[in-house]
C-alpha atoms as a PDB file:
ATOM      1  CA  MET A   1      11.407  -3.420  13.614  1.00  0.00           C
ATOM      2  CA  PRO A   2      12.324  -5.800  10.759  1.00  0.00           C
ATOM      3  CA  ASP A   3      14.421  -8.820  11.583  1.00  0.00           C
ATOM      4  CA  ASP A   4      17.814  -9.486  10.015  1.00  0.00           C
ATOM      5  CA  LYS A   5      16.442 -12.022   7.532  1.00  0.00           C
ATOM      6  CA  SER A   6      13.870  -9.613   6.124  1.00  0.00           C
ATOM      7  CA  VAL A   7      16.545  -6.929   5.797  1.00  0.00           C
ATOM      8  CA  ASP A   8      18.835  -9.425   4.017  1.00  0.00           C
ATOM      9  CA  GLU A   9      15.975 -10.400   1.710  1.00  0.00           C
ATOM     10  CA  GLU A  10      15.277  -6.762   0.842  1.00  0.00           C
ATOM     11  CA  LYS A  11      18.967  -6.216   0.090  1.00  0.00           C
ATOM     12  CA  ALA A  12      18.960  -9.301  -2.140  1.00  0.00           C
ATOM     13  CA  ILE A  13      15.889  -7.988  -3.991  1.00  0.00           C
ATOM     14  CA  ALA A  14      17.642  -4.649  -4.588  1.00  0.00           C
ATOM     15  CA  GLU A  15      20.603  -6.540  -6.034  1.00  0.00           C
ATOM     16  CA  ILE A  16      18.245  -8.536  -8.258  1.00  0.00           C
ATOM     17  CA  VAL A  17      16.831  -5.289  -9.652  1.00  0.00           C
ATOM     18  CA  ASP A  18      20.357  -4.184 -10.568  1.00  0.00           C
ATOM     19  CA  ARG A  19      21.223  -7.521 -12.206  1.00  0.00           C
ATOM     20  CA  LEU A  20      17.998  -7.614 -14.197  1.00  0.00           C
ATOM     21  CA  GLN A  21      18.548  -4.055 -15.403  1.00  0.00           C
ATOM     22  CA  GLU A  22      21.952  -5.131 -16.715  1.00  0.00           C
ATOM     23  CA  ARG A  23      20.571  -8.280 -18.308  1.00  0.00           C
ATOM     24  CA  PHE A  24      17.516  -6.600 -19.821  1.00  0.00           C
ATOM     25  CA  PRO A  25      18.693  -3.095 -20.782  1.00  0.00           C
ATOM     26  CA  ASP A  26      15.646  -2.531 -23.011  1.00  0.00           C
ATOM     27  CA  ALA A  27      13.232  -3.215 -20.148  1.00  0.00           C
ATOM     28  CA  SER A  28      12.072  -0.241 -18.122  1.00  0.00           C
ATOM     29  CA  ARG A  29      12.795  -0.142 -14.414  1.00  0.00           C
ATOM     30  CA  GLU A  30       9.032  -0.197 -13.874  1.00  0.00           C
ATOM     31  CA  SER A  31       8.612  -3.435 -15.836  1.00  0.00           C
ATOM     32  CA  ILE A  32      11.483  -5.021 -13.904  1.00  0.00           C
ATOM     33  CA  LEU A  33       9.971  -3.982 -10.579  1.00  0.00           C
ATOM     34  CA  ASP A  34       6.585  -5.284 -11.753  1.00  0.00           C
ATOM     35  CA  ALA A  35       8.091  -8.661 -12.683  1.00  0.00           C
ATOM     36  CA  ILE A  36       9.799  -8.880  -9.306  1.00  0.00           C
ATOM     37  CA  GLU A  37       6.624  -7.929  -7.440  1.00  0.00           C
ATOM     38  CA  LYS A  38       4.608 -10.584  -9.287  1.00  0.00           C
ATOM     39  CA  SER A  39       7.252 -13.128  -8.341  1.00  0.00           C
ATOM     40  CA  ARG A  40       7.313 -11.964  -4.713  1.00  0.00           C
ATOM     41  CA  VAL A  41       3.582 -12.561  -4.428  1.00  0.00           C
ATOM     42  CA  THR A  42       4.113 -16.150  -5.550  1.00  0.00           C
ATOM     43  CA  PHE A  43       6.522 -16.787  -2.683  1.00  0.00           C
ATOM     44  CA  ALA A  44       4.946 -14.539  -0.045  1.00  0.00           C
ATOM     45  CA  GLY A  45       3.739 -17.454   2.051  1.00  0.00           C
ATOM     46  CA  ALA A  46       6.928 -19.482   1.903  1.00  0.00           C
ATOM     47  CA  LYS A  47       7.913 -20.630   5.369  1.00  0.00           C
ATOM     48  CA  VAL A  48      11.533 -21.264   4.441  1.00  0.00           C
ATOM     49  CA  ARG A  49      12.864 -17.952   3.115  1.00  0.00           C
ATOM     50  CA  ASP A  50      16.496 -18.869   2.414  1.00  0.00           C
ATOM     51  CA  PHE A  51      16.067 -19.391  -1.330  1.00  0.00           C
ATOM     52  CA  VAL A  52      13.208 -16.971  -1.971  1.00  0.00           C
ATOM     53  CA  PRO A  53      15.400 -14.295  -3.598  1.00  0.00           C
ATOM     54  CA  VAL A  54      16.861 -16.875  -6.002  1.00  0.00           C
ATOM     55  CA  LEU A  55      13.384 -18.093  -6.907  1.00  0.00           C
ATOM     56  CA  ILE A  56      12.109 -14.541  -7.324  1.00  0.00           C
ATOM     57  CA  GLU A  57      14.967 -13.746  -9.695  1.00  0.00           C
ATOM     58  CA  LYS A  58      14.310 -16.876 -11.746  1.00  0.00           C
ATOM     59  CA  GLU A  59      10.592 -16.097 -12.048  1.00  0.00           C
ATOM     60  CA  ALA A  60      11.214 -12.434 -12.858  1.00  0.00           C
ATOM     61  CA  LYS A  61      13.692 -13.395 -15.615  1.00  0.00           C
ATOM     62  CA  ALA A  62      11.138 -15.735 -17.137  1.00  0.00           C
ATOM     63  CA  HIS A  63       8.517 -12.994 -17.019  1.00  0.00           C
ATOM     64  CA  LEU A  64      10.850 -10.493 -18.686  1.00  0.00           C
ATOM     65  CA  LYS A  65      11.734 -13.029 -21.380  1.00  0.00           C
ATOM     66  CA  GLY A  66       8.003 -13.439 -22.034  1.00  0.00           C
ATOM     67  CA  LYS A  67       7.855 -17.025 -20.842  1.00  0.00           C
ATOM     68  CA  ARG A  68       5.381 -16.328 -18.017  1.00  0.00           C
END
C-alpha cells in the first residue's frame, strides 16, 4: 500500500501534467508525459521528496522549451 507522501506526489504530478498542457498547448500529451518521466528519473533517488514535484515541473518545462 502506498504511503501518503507517494500518493501526494502522484497527485502533484497529475496537476503538473494539466498545467503543462495549458502552458504548451501545441505539445502532445505524450510528449508532456515523456518530459515528466525523464525528469522523474533524474529525481528518483532523492531522499528528501518534499520539493521533487516542483523540480520535476521545472525540468519538464525546460525540456518542452527545448532547453534540455
